[in-house]
Amino acid sequence: MKFLKFLGKTLLWLLILAILVCPIYLIFRLSAQELAQYETPPPPVILDSAYGDICPAYRGDLHEFVTLNGEFVCHDYAYMELDYKDPSLIRWEVSPGELITPEQVLGWYKDEPVISSVTGMISSMQTYGQDAYIQVRCIAPTVLECRVEDSVLRALRRGETLTTGDGMGVSLLYTAPMKNPDGSTTIRLSVEGEEGAYGQQMEELTVYTGRVYTGVLMVDSRCVYQRQHGEGEPWYMRQVSVDGIVLQEVEVQVGYNDGKYICVTGVNEGEFFDAGYKSVLAGGAQ
């Protein structure tokens, strides 16, 4: 009987304790839930992504070429002798700088017409004395005259066989002994199959030098950039994953650049790089 009384009292006190504790526990749970609503969520993980095309580094062959812009000119001269007793009496209908053609009437000696025997631009007219003549700058045959930078001139000079993109032969005929005020050098070339008219412009002529860089590691030239422009400044590439997630910036050494692809060292074949970051650094300019 005593045991039963003890057990009953114990259960009674446990019940009273439960009645006292339960409201406190419920209040604590509700407060915790309310506080959870105001907790700051963890910040999202922001991954830097590529700004442009994702381009791989790979090995291949690069054929060296240069791009030229120029004008077709002729530097040959012809002379028309004025075999008259007194050439000073000729009344001229032309003047230096004008284009003349054969059978054209250039002037009149008394009542006799002075007929052209040459084609070209009149350079000078010596119309007095026994050795009177007209000097004419020919307009054919023409050659392509260009102004080129030192790097282009070096490539043309070391070229094994110069050809156009269509495989037509190109010959370097003349190199000016002095540079132009802008630092360029004037050259003249003959281009097989391109006998342009005098004064005709030639733009974006591709000339292959015959030199081939075999099995080089290359990448799209848009992937390579400088943070500070200058001949001695380092070059960089922005390595990304195949999904375009930025991994790191890599310093590289650059070699031949054909305008579309560039030889590089300092990265591995099969790695991927961002082709748009260069434009971002330049403020959106390519």
C-alpha atoms as a PDB file:
ATOM      1  CA  MET A   1       0.000   0.000   0.000  1.00  0.00           C
ATOM      2  CA  LYS A   2       2.807   2.426   0.826  1.00  0.00           C
ATOM      3  CA  PHE A   3       4.389   1.740  -2.514  1.00  0.00           C
ATOM      4  CA  LEU A   4       1.168   2.501  -4.319  1.00  0.00           C
ATOM      5  CA  LYS A   5       0.775   5.759  -2.430  1.00  0.00           C
ATOM      6  CA  PHE A   6       4.385   6.713  -3.276  1.00  0.00           C
ATOM      7  CA  LEU A   7       3.854   5.863  -6.946  1.00  0.00           C
ATOM      8  CA  GLY A   8       0.643   7.884  -7.033  1.00  0.00           C
ATOM      9  CA  LYS A   9       2.295  10.944  -5.506  1.00  0.00           C
ATOM     10  CA  THR A  10       5.194  10.648  -7.953  1.00  0.00           C
ATOM     11  CA  LEU A  11       2.887  10.494 -10.956  1.00  0.00           C
ATOM     12  CA  LEU A  12       0.925  13.442  -9.600  1.00  0.00           C
ATOM     13  CA  TRP A  13       4.066  15.586  -9.282  1.00  0.00           C
ATOM     14  CA  LEU A  14       5.209  14.541 -12.745  1.00  0.00           C
ATOM     15  CA  LEU A  15       1.849  15.563 -14.140  1.00  0.00           C
ATOM     16  CA  ILE A  16       2.032  18.919 -12.354  1.00  0.00           C
ATOM     17  CA  LEU A  17       5.593  19.433 -13.693  1.00  0.00           C
ATOM     18  CA  ALA A  18       4.467  18.594 -17.209  1.00  0.00           C
ATOM     19  CA  ILE A  19       1.622  21.073 -16.951  1.00  0.00           C
ATOM     20  CA  LEU A  20       4.078  23.773 -15.876  1.00  0.00           C
ATOM     21  CA  VAL A  21       6.792  22.978 -18.433  1.00  0.00           C
ATOM     22  CA  CYS A  22       4.647  22.441 -21.553  1.00  0.00           C
ATOM     23  CA  PRO A  23       3.570  26.116 -21.923  1.00  0.00           C
ATOM     24  CA  ILE A  24       7.180  27.255 -21.536  1.00  0.00           C
ATOM     25  CA  TYR A  25       8.326  24.731 -24.171  1.00  0.00           C
ATOM     26  CA  LEU A  26       5.585  25.808 -26.565  1.00  0.00           C
ATOM     27  CA  ILE A  27       6.477  29.471 -26.088  1.00  0.00           C
ATOM     28  CA  PHE A  28      10.144  28.664 -26.766  1.00  0.00           C
ATOM     29  CA  ARG A  29       9.293  26.778 -29.991  1.00  0.00           C
ATOM     30  CA  LEU A  30       7.060  29.558 -31.254  1.00  0.00           C
ATOM     31  CA  SER A  31       9.701  32.181 -30.510  1.00  0.00           C
ATOM     32  CA  ALA A  32      12.336  30.138 -32.296  1.00  0.00           C
ATOM     33  CA  GLN A  33      10.113  29.814 -35.370  1.00  0.00           C
ATOM     34  CA  GLU A  34       9.399  33.538 -35.388  1.00  0.00           C
ATOM     35  CA  LEU A  35      13.107  34.371 -35.094  1.00  0.00           C
ATOM     36  CA  ALA A  36      13.908  32.014 -37.980  1.00  0.00           C
ATOM     37  CA  GLN A  37      11.688  34.093 -40.244  1.00  0.00           C
ATOM     38  CA  TYR A  38      13.917  37.117 -39.675  1.00  0.00           C
ATOM     39  CA  GLU A  39      17.257  35.386 -40.095  1.00  0.00           C
ATOM     40  CA  THR A  40      19.381  36.655 -43.030  1.00  0.00           C
ATOM     41  CA  PRO A  41      19.698  33.904 -45.648  1.00  0.00           C
ATOM     42  CA  PRO A  42      23.254  32.901 -46.554  1.00  0.00           C
ATOM     43  CA  PRO A  43      24.559  34.979 -49.489  1.00  0.00           C
ATOM     44  CA  PRO A  44      24.506  33.210 -52.868  1.00  0.00           C
ATOM     45  CA  VAL A  45      27.809  32.064 -54.337  1.00  0.00           C
ATOM     46  CA  ILE A  46      28.468  34.300 -57.367  1.00  0.00           C
ATOM     47  CA  LEU A  47      30.809  32.775 -59.946  1.00  0.00           C
ATOM     48  CA  ASP A  48      32.546  34.991 -62.511  1.00  0.00           C
ATOM     49  CA  SER A  49      31.630  33.929 -66.031  1.00  0.00           C
ATOM     50  CA  ALA A  50      33.140  34.400 -69.480  1.00  0.00           C
ATOM     51  CA  TYR A  51      32.190  37.585 -71.332  1.00  0.00           C
ATOM     52  CA  GLY A  52      32.506  36.159 -74.815  1.00  0.00           C
ATOM     53  CA  ASP A  53      33.105  32.992 -76.792  1.00  0.00           C
ATOM     54  CA  ILE A  54      34.832  30.092 -75.040  1.00  0.00           C
ATOM     55  CA  CYS A  55      37.816  29.126 -77.168  1.00  0.00           C
ATOM     56  CA  PRO A  56      40.163  26.157 -76.739  1.00  0.00           C
ATOM     57  CA  ALA A  57      43.926  26.149 -77.095  1.00  0.00           C
ATOM     58  CA  TYR A  58      45.009  23.574 -79.651  1.00  0.00           C
ATOM     59  CA  ARG A  59      47.908  22.590 -81.869  1.00  0.00           C
ATOM     60  CA  GLY A  60      47.992  23.150 -85.609  1.00  0.00           C
ATOM     61  CA  ASP A  61      49.835  24.802 -88.488  1.00  0.00           C
ATOM     62  CA  LEU A  62      49.853  28.549 -89.138  1.00  0.00           C
ATOM     63  CA  HIS A  63      50.720  29.888 -92.593  1.00  0.00           C
ATOM     64  CA  GLU A  64      52.340  33.306 -92.325  1.00  0.00           C
ATOM     65  CA  PHE A  65      50.799  36.075 -94.378  1.00  0.00           C
ATOM     66  CA  VAL A  66      50.578  39.861 -94.484  1.00  0.00           C
ATOM     67  CA  THR A  67      47.773  42.145 -95.619  1.00  0.00           C
ATOM     68  CA  LEU A  68      48.596  45.020 -97.951  1.00  0.00           C
ATOM     69  CA  ASN A  69      46.817  48.169 -99.109  1.00  0.00           C
ATOM     70  CA  GLY A  70      48.186  50.182-101.989  1.00  0.00           C
ATOM     71  CA  GLU A  71      47.777  51.874-105.330  1.00  0.00           C
ATOM     72  CA  PHE A  72      48.743  50.839-108.842  1.00  0.00           C
ATOM     73  CA  VAL A  73      51.370  53.209-110.224  1.00  0.00           C
ATOM     74  CA  CYS A  74      53.920  53.377-113.022  1.00  0.00           C
ATOM     75  CA  HIS A  75      57.324  55.017-112.656  1.00  0.00           C
ATOM     76  CA  ASP A  76      58.453  54.629-116.267  1.00  0.00           C
ATOM     77  CA  TYR A  77      58.906  57.704-118.490  1.00  0.00           C
ATOM     78  CA  ALA A  78      58.573  58.249-122.208  1.00  0.00           C
ATOM     79  CA  TYR A  79      59.840  61.193-124.235  1.00  0.00           C
ATOM     80  CA  MET A  80      58.300  62.867-127.230  1.00  0.00           C
ATOM     81  CA  GLU A  81      60.878  64.812-129.237  1.00  0.00           C
ATOM     82  CA  LEU A  82      59.781  68.154-130.708  1.00  0.00           C
ATOM     83  CA  ASP A  83      61.650  68.153-134.038  1.00  0.00           C
ATOM     84  CA  TYR A  84      60.722  71.616-135.162  1.00  0.00           C
ATOM     85  CA  LYS A  85      62.914  74.475-136.344  1.00  0.00           C
ATOM     86  CA  ASP A  86      61.594  76.778-133.595  1.00  0.00           C
ATOM     87  CA  PRO A  87      59.562  74.835-130.957  1.00  0.00           C
ATOM     88  CA  SER A  88      58.920  78.057-129.059  1.00  0.00           C
ATOM     89  CA  LEU A  89      56.344  78.977-131.721  1.00  0.00           C
ATOM     90  CA  ILE A  90      54.113  76.011-130.799  1.00  0.00           C
ATOM     91  CA  ARG A  91      50.763  77.046-129.380  1.00  0.00           C
ATOM     92  CA  TRP A  92      49.978  74.385-126.797  1.00  0.00           C
ATOM     93  CA  GLU A  93      46.537  73.002-125.961  1.00  0.00           C
ATOM     94  CA  VAL A  94      47.872  70.906-123.092  1.00  0.00           C
ATOM     95  CA  SER A  95      49.918  71.513-119.949  1.00  0.00           C
ATOM     96  CA  PRO A  96      51.859  69.456-117.361  1.00  0.00           C
ATOM     97  CA  GLY A  97      49.685  67.087-115.345  1.00  0.00           C
ATOM     98  CA  GLU A  98      47.313  66.284-118.224  1.00  0.00           C
ATOM     99  CA  LEU A  99      46.804  62.808-119.648  1.00  0.00           C
ATOM    100  CA  ILE A 100      47.622  62.479-123.333  1.00  0.00           C
ATOM    101  CA  THR A 101      47.046  59.617-125.782  1.00  0.00           C
ATOM    102  CA  PRO A 102      48.447  58.730-129.233  1.00  0.00           C
ATOM    103  CA  GLU A 103      47.047  60.735-132.167  1.00  0.00           C
ATOM    104  CA  GLN A 104      45.850  63.472-129.819  1.00  0.00           C
ATOM    105  CA  VAL A 105      46.445  67.059-131.014  1.00  0.00           C
ATOM    106  CA  LEU A 106      48.663  68.713-128.415  1.00  0.00           C
ATOM    107  CA  GLY A 107      49.079  72.086-130.088  1.00  0.00           C
ATOM    108  CA  TRP A 108      49.854  73.863-133.341  1.00  0.00           C
ATOM    109  CA  TYR A 109      53.134  74.746-134.958  1.00  0.00           C
ATOM    110  CA  LYS A 110      52.094  77.492-137.361  1.00  0.00           C
ATOM    111  CA  ASP A 111      49.312  75.664-139.250  1.00  0.00           C
ATOM    112  CA  GLU A 112      50.653  72.183-138.550  1.00  0.00           C
ATOM    113  CA  PRO A 113      49.156  70.086-135.675  1.00  0.00           C
ATOM    114  CA  VAL A 114      51.508  68.653-133.052  1.00  0.00           C
ATOM    115  CA  ILE A 115      50.380  65.024-132.690  1.00  0.00           C
ATOM    116  CA  SER A 116      51.041  62.880-129.597  1.00  0.00           C
ATOM    117  CA  SER A 117      52.919  59.634-130.088  1.00  0.00           C
ATOM    118  CA  VAL A 118      52.806  58.436-126.463  1.00  0.00           C
ATOM    119  CA  THR A 119      50.353  57.701-123.679  1.00  0.00           C
ATOM    120  CA  GLY A 120      50.731  59.059-120.162  1.00  0.00           C
ATOM    121  CA  MET A 121      50.688  62.042-117.855  1.00  0.00           C
ATOM    122  CA  ILE A 122      52.736  65.066-118.947  1.00  0.00           C
ATOM    123  CA  SER A 123      55.520  65.561-116.385  1.00  0.00           C
ATOM    124  CA  SER A 124      57.389  68.437-117.937  1.00  0.00           C
ATOM    125  CA  MET A 125      57.639  70.344-121.221  1.00  0.00           C
ATOM    126  CA  GLN A 126      60.959  71.619-122.566  1.00  0.00           C
ATOM    127  CA  THR A 127      59.780  73.706-125.508  1.00  0.00           C
ATOM    128  CA  TYR A 128      62.810  75.918-126.199  1.00  0.00           C
ATOM    129  CA  GLY A 129      66.077  75.248-128.000  1.00  0.00           C
ATOM    130  CA  GLN A 130      67.217  72.458-130.281  1.00  0.00           C
ATOM    131  CA  ASP A 131      66.576  69.679-127.736  1.00  0.00           C
ATOM    132  CA  ALA A 132      62.903  70.445-127.098  1.00  0.00           C
ATOM    133  CA  TYR A 133      60.810  67.532-125.773  1.00  0.00           C
ATOM    134  CA  ILE A 134      57.844  66.520-123.677  1.00  0.00           C
ATOM    135  CA  GLN A 135      58.462  64.179-120.731  1.00  0.00           C
ATOM    136  CA  VAL A 136      55.528  61.840-120.108  1.00  0.00           C
ATOM    137  CA  ARG A 137      55.002  59.605-117.101  1.00  0.00           C
ATOM    138  CA  CYS A 138      53.667  56.299-118.394  1.00  0.00           C
ATOM    139  CA  ILE A 139      50.503  54.758-117.011  1.00  0.00           C
ATOM    140  CA  ALA A 140      51.408  51.197-117.976  1.00  0.00           C
ATOM    141  CA  PRO A 141      52.691  48.698-117.080  1.00  0.00           C
ATOM    142  CA  THR A 142      51.605  49.274-113.477  1.00  0.00           C
ATOM    143  CA  VAL A 143      52.978  47.930-110.198  1.00  0.00           C
ATOM    144  CA  LEU A 144      51.417  47.948-106.748  1.00  0.00           C
ATOM    145  CA  GLU A 145      52.899  50.590-104.457  1.00  0.00           C
ATOM    146  CA  CYS A 146      52.325  50.224-100.702  1.00  0.00           C
ATOM    147  CA  ARG A 147      53.443  51.770 -97.446  1.00  0.00           C
ATOM    148  CA  VAL A 148      54.259  49.063 -94.908  1.00  0.00           C
ATOM    149  CA  GLU A 149      55.420  48.752 -91.305  1.00  0.00           C
ATOM    150  CA  ASP A 150      58.787  47.213 -90.446  1.00  0.00           C
ATOM    151  CA  SER A 151      57.230  43.892 -89.369  1.00  0.00           C
ATOM    152  CA  VAL A 152      55.466  43.527 -92.732  1.00  0.00           C
ATOM    153  CA  LEU A 153      58.623  44.387 -94.655  1.00  0.00           C
ATOM    154  CA  ARG A 154      60.632  41.811 -92.677  1.00  0.00           C
ATOM    155  CA  ALA A 155      58.038  39.142 -93.433  1.00  0.00           C
ATOM    156  CA  LEU A 156      58.115  39.928 -97.171  1.00  0.00           C
ATOM    157  CA  ARG A 157      61.912  39.932 -97.292  1.00  0.00           C
ATOM    158  CA  ARG A 158      62.327  36.608 -95.516  1.00  0.00           C
ATOM    159  CA  GLY A 159      59.487  35.014 -97.451  1.00  0.00           C
ATOM    160  CA  GLU A 160      60.459  31.908 -99.386  1.00  0.00           C
ATOM    161  CA  THR A 161      57.758  32.179-102.043  1.00  0.00           C
ATOM    162  CA  LEU A 162      55.357  35.105-102.073  1.00  0.00           C
ATOM    163  CA  THR A 163      51.862  34.271-103.319  1.00  0.00           C
ATOM    164  CA  THR A 164      48.366  35.677-103.099  1.00  0.00           C
ATOM    165  CA  GLY A 165      45.511  33.822-101.463  1.00  0.00           C
ATOM    166  CA  ASP A 166      44.699  32.452-104.921  1.00  0.00           C
ATOM    167  CA  GLY A 167      48.224  31.120-105.390  1.00  0.00           C
ATOM    168  CA  MET A 168      49.327  33.813-107.860  1.00  0.00           C
ATOM    169  CA  GLY A 169      52.965  34.899-107.708  1.00  0.00           C
ATOM    170  CA  VAL A 170      54.076  38.127-106.028  1.00  0.00           C
ATOM    171  CA  SER A 171      57.510  39.747-106.448  1.00  0.00           C
ATOM    172  CA  LEU A 172      59.063  42.468-104.309  1.00  0.00           C
ATOM    173  CA  LEU A 173      60.519  44.863-106.908  1.00  0.00           C
ATOM    174  CA  TYR A 174      61.579  47.893-104.957  1.00  0.00           C
ATOM    175  CA  THR A 175      62.150  49.063-101.383  1.00  0.00           C
ATOM    176  CA  ALA A 176      62.664  52.742-100.678  1.00  0.00           C
ATOM    177  CA  PRO A 177      66.034  53.473 -99.030  1.00  0.00           C
ATOM    178  CA  MET A 178      64.475  55.937 -96.591  1.00  0.00           C
ATOM    179  CA  LYS A 179      61.391  55.770 -94.400  1.00  0.00           C
ATOM    180  CA  ASN A 180      58.341  57.968 -94.754  1.00  0.00           C
ATOM    181  CA  PRO A 181      57.565  60.587 -92.061  1.00  0.00           C
ATOM    182  CA  ASP A 182      55.104  58.178 -90.405  1.00  0.00           C
ATOM    183  CA  GLY A 183      57.786  55.481 -90.048  1.00  0.00           C
ATOM    184  CA  SER A 184      56.503  53.309 -92.885  1.00  0.00           C
ATOM    185  CA  THR A 185      58.525  52.201 -95.909  1.00  0.00           C
ATOM    186  CA  THR A 186      57.365  52.475 -99.516  1.00  0.00           C
ATOM    187  CA  ILE A 187      57.606  49.270-101.529  1.00  0.00           C
ATOM    188  CA  ARG A 188      56.509  48.201-105.003  1.00  0.00           C
ATOM    189  CA  LEU A 189      55.357  44.742-105.997  1.00  0.00           C
ATOM    190  CA  SER A 190      54.259  42.965-109.110  1.00  0.00           C
ATOM    191  CA  VAL A 191      51.182  40.811-108.585  1.00  0.00           C
ATOM    192  CA  GLU A 192      50.482  38.095-111.116  1.00  0.00           C
ATOM    193  CA  GLY A 193      46.991  38.459-112.519  1.00  0.00           C
ATOM    194  CA  GLU A 194      46.514  41.896-110.915  1.00  0.00           C
ATOM    195  CA  GLU A 195      47.424  44.489-113.546  1.00  0.00           C
ATOM    196  CA  GLY A 196      45.359  47.330-112.178  1.00  0.00           C
ATOM    197  CA  ALA A 197      44.722  50.588-113.966  1.00  0.00           C
ATOM    198  CA  TYR A 198      46.924  53.537-113.064  1.00  0.00           C
ATOM    199  CA  GLY A 199      45.678  55.069-109.798  1.00  0.00           C
ATOM    200  CA  GLN A 200      43.448  52.091-108.942  1.00  0.00           C
ATOM    201  CA  GLN A 201      43.367  51.231-105.235  1.00  0.00           C
ATOM    202  CA  MET A 202      44.030  47.734-103.925  1.00  0.00           C
ATOM    203  CA  GLU A 203      42.716  46.963-100.448  1.00  0.00           C
ATOM    204  CA  GLU A 204      43.189  43.976 -98.169  1.00  0.00           C
ATOM    205  CA  LEU A 205      45.512  42.040-100.486  1.00  0.00           C
ATOM    206  CA  THR A 206      46.610  38.854 -98.699  1.00  0.00           C
ATOM    207  CA  VAL A 207      50.188  37.802 -99.464  1.00  0.00           C
ATOM    208  CA  TYR A 208      51.467  34.496 -98.070  1.00  0.00           C
ATOM    209  CA  THR A 209      55.196  34.387 -97.380  1.00  0.00           C
ATOM    210  CA  GLY A 210      55.559  30.612 -97.725  1.00  0.00           C
ATOM    211  CA  ARG A 211      56.654  30.306 -94.104  1.00  0.00           C
ATOM    212  CA  VAL A 212      54.697  27.749 -92.042  1.00  0.00           C
ATOM    213  CA  TYR A 213      54.683  27.418 -88.247  1.00  0.00           C
ATOM    214  CA  THR A 214      54.110  23.688 -87.803  1.00  0.00           C
ATOM    215  CA  GLY A 215      52.434  22.068 -84.791  1.00  0.00           C
ATOM    216  CA  VAL A 216      52.310  25.245 -82.721  1.00  0.00           C
ATOM    217  CA  LEU A 217      50.004  25.817 -79.758  1.00  0.00           C
ATOM    218  CA  MET A 218      47.517  28.471 -80.813  1.00  0.00           C
ATOM    219  CA  VAL A 219      44.366  30.174 -79.617  1.00  0.00           C
ATOM    220  CA  ASP A 220      41.888  32.730 -80.919  1.00  0.00           C
ATOM    221  CA  SER A 221      43.740  36.059 -80.874  1.00  0.00           C
ATOM    222  CA  ARG A 222      40.762  37.684 -79.106  1.00  0.00           C
ATOM    223  CA  CYS A 223      41.715  35.732 -75.974  1.00  0.00           C
ATOM    224  CA  VAL A 224      45.084  37.450 -75.542  1.00  0.00           C
ATOM    225  CA  TYR A 225      45.324  40.918 -74.002  1.00  0.00           C
ATOM    226  CA  GLN A 226      47.589  43.379 -72.231  1.00  0.00           C
ATOM    227  CA  ARG A 227      46.612  45.347 -69.145  1.00  0.00           C
ATOM    228  CA  GLN A 228      49.141  48.032 -70.052  1.00  0.00           C
ATOM    229  CA  HIS A 229      49.897  48.480 -73.738  1.00  0.00           C
ATOM    230  CA  GLY A 230      53.549  48.424 -74.679  1.00  0.00           C
ATOM    231  CA  GLU A 231      56.162  46.282 -76.388  1.00  0.00           C
ATOM    232  CA  GLY A 232      57.659  45.110 -73.090  1.00  0.00           C
ATOM    233  CA  GLU A 233      54.382  44.688 -71.210  1.00  0.00           C
ATOM    234  CA  PRO A 234      53.148  41.149 -70.315  1.00  0.00           C
ATOM    235  CA  TRP A 235      50.328  39.333 -72.082  1.00  0.00           C
ATOM    236  CA  TYR A 236      47.497  37.499 -70.345  1.00  0.00           C
ATOM    237  CA  MET A 237      44.673  35.053 -71.007  1.00  0.00           C
ATOM    238  CA  ARG A 238      41.575  34.408 -68.907  1.00  0.00           C
ATOM    239  CA  GLN A 239      41.200  30.671 -68.364  1.00  0.00           C
ATOM    240  CA  VAL A 240      37.647  29.357 -67.981  1.00  0.00           C
ATOM    241  CA  SER A 241      35.935  25.990 -67.648  1.00  0.00           C
ATOM    242  CA  VAL A 242      34.101  24.424 -70.566  1.00  0.00           C
ATOM    243  CA  ASP A 243      30.946  25.916 -69.013  1.00  0.00           C
ATOM    244  CA  GLY A 244      32.438  29.414 -69.008  1.00  0.00           C
ATOM    245  CA  ILE A 245      33.266  29.704 -65.279  1.00  0.00           C
ATOM    246  CA  VAL A 246      36.398  31.792 -64.743  1.00  0.00           C
ATOM    247  CA  LEU A 247      39.251  29.781 -63.220  1.00  0.00           C
ATOM    248  CA  GLN A 248      42.248  32.098 -63.301  1.00  0.00           C
ATOM    249  CA  GLU A 249      44.205  34.693 -65.233  1.00  0.00           C
ATOM    250  CA  VAL A 250      47.337  33.261 -66.861  1.00  0.00           C
ATOM    251  CA  GLU A 251      50.386  35.157 -68.102  1.00  0.00           C
ATOM    252  CA  VAL A 252      51.560  33.897 -71.496  1.00  0.00           C
ATOM    253  CA  GLN A 253      54.215  34.533 -74.102  1.00  0.00           C
ATOM    254  CA  VAL A 254      52.964  35.325 -77.591  1.00  0.00           C
ATOM    255  CA  GLY A 255      54.387  34.568 -81.018  1.00  0.00           C
ATOM    256  CA  TYR A 256      53.177  34.910 -84.589  1.00  0.00           C
ATOM    257  CA  ASN A 257      49.709  36.426 -84.939  1.00  0.00           C
ATOM    258  CA  ASP A 258      47.858  36.155 -88.248  1.00  0.00           C
ATOM    259  CA  GLY A 259      45.023  38.372 -87.035  1.00  0.00           C
ATOM    260  CA  LYS A 260      42.741  35.460 -86.213  1.00  0.00           C
ATOM    261  CA  TYR A 261      44.968  33.012 -84.349  1.00  0.00           C
ATOM    262  CA  ILE A 262      48.088  33.594 -82.283  1.00  0.00           C
ATOM    263  CA  CYS A 263      50.884  31.296 -81.122  1.00  0.00           C
ATOM    264  CA  VAL A 264      51.180  31.131 -77.324  1.00  0.00           C
ATOM    265  CA  THR A 265      53.218  29.421 -74.616  1.00  0.00           C
ATOM    266  CA  GLY A 266      52.395  29.166 -70.920  1.00  0.00           C
ATOM    267  CA  VAL A 267      49.095  27.262 -71.245  1.00  0.00           C
ATOM    268  CA  ASN A 268      48.146  23.697 -72.130  1.00  0.00           C
ATOM    269  CA  GLU A 269      46.410  22.219 -75.116  1.00  0.00           C
ATOM    270  CA  GLY A 270      42.722  21.591 -74.436  1.00  0.00           C
ATOM    271  CA  GLU A 271      42.298  24.392 -71.898  1.00  0.00           C
ATOM    272  CA  PHE A 272      39.572  26.966 -72.517  1.00  0.00           C
ATOM    273  CA  PHE A 273      39.794  30.757 -72.563  1.00  0.00           C
ATOM    274  CA  ASP A 274      37.491  33.793 -72.634  1.00  0.00           C
ATOM    275  CA  ALA A 275      37.432  35.658 -75.962  1.00  0.00           C
ATOM    276  CA  GLY A 276      35.363  38.588 -74.632  1.00  0.00           C
ATOM    277  CA  TYR A 277      37.369  39.854 -71.668  1.00  0.00           C
ATOM    278  CA  LYS A 278      39.785  41.725 -73.941  1.00  0.00           C
ATOM    279  CA  SER A 279      36.892  43.802 -75.258  1.00  0.00           C
ATOM    280  CA  VAL A 280      35.733  44.549 -71.703  1.00  0.00           C
ATOM    281  CA  LEU A 281      39.181  45.869 -70.755  1.00  0.00           C
ATOM    282  CA  ALA A 282      39.179  48.034 -73.873  1.00  0.00           C
ATOM    283  CA  GLY A 283      35.820  49.521 -72.911  1.00  0.00           C
ATOM    284  CA  GLY A 284      33.819  47.523 -75.441  1.00  0.00           C
ATOM    285  CA  ALA A 285      36.097  48.223 -78.426  1.00  0.00           C
ATOM    286  CA  GLN A 286      37.418  45.236 -80.301  1.00  0.00           C
END
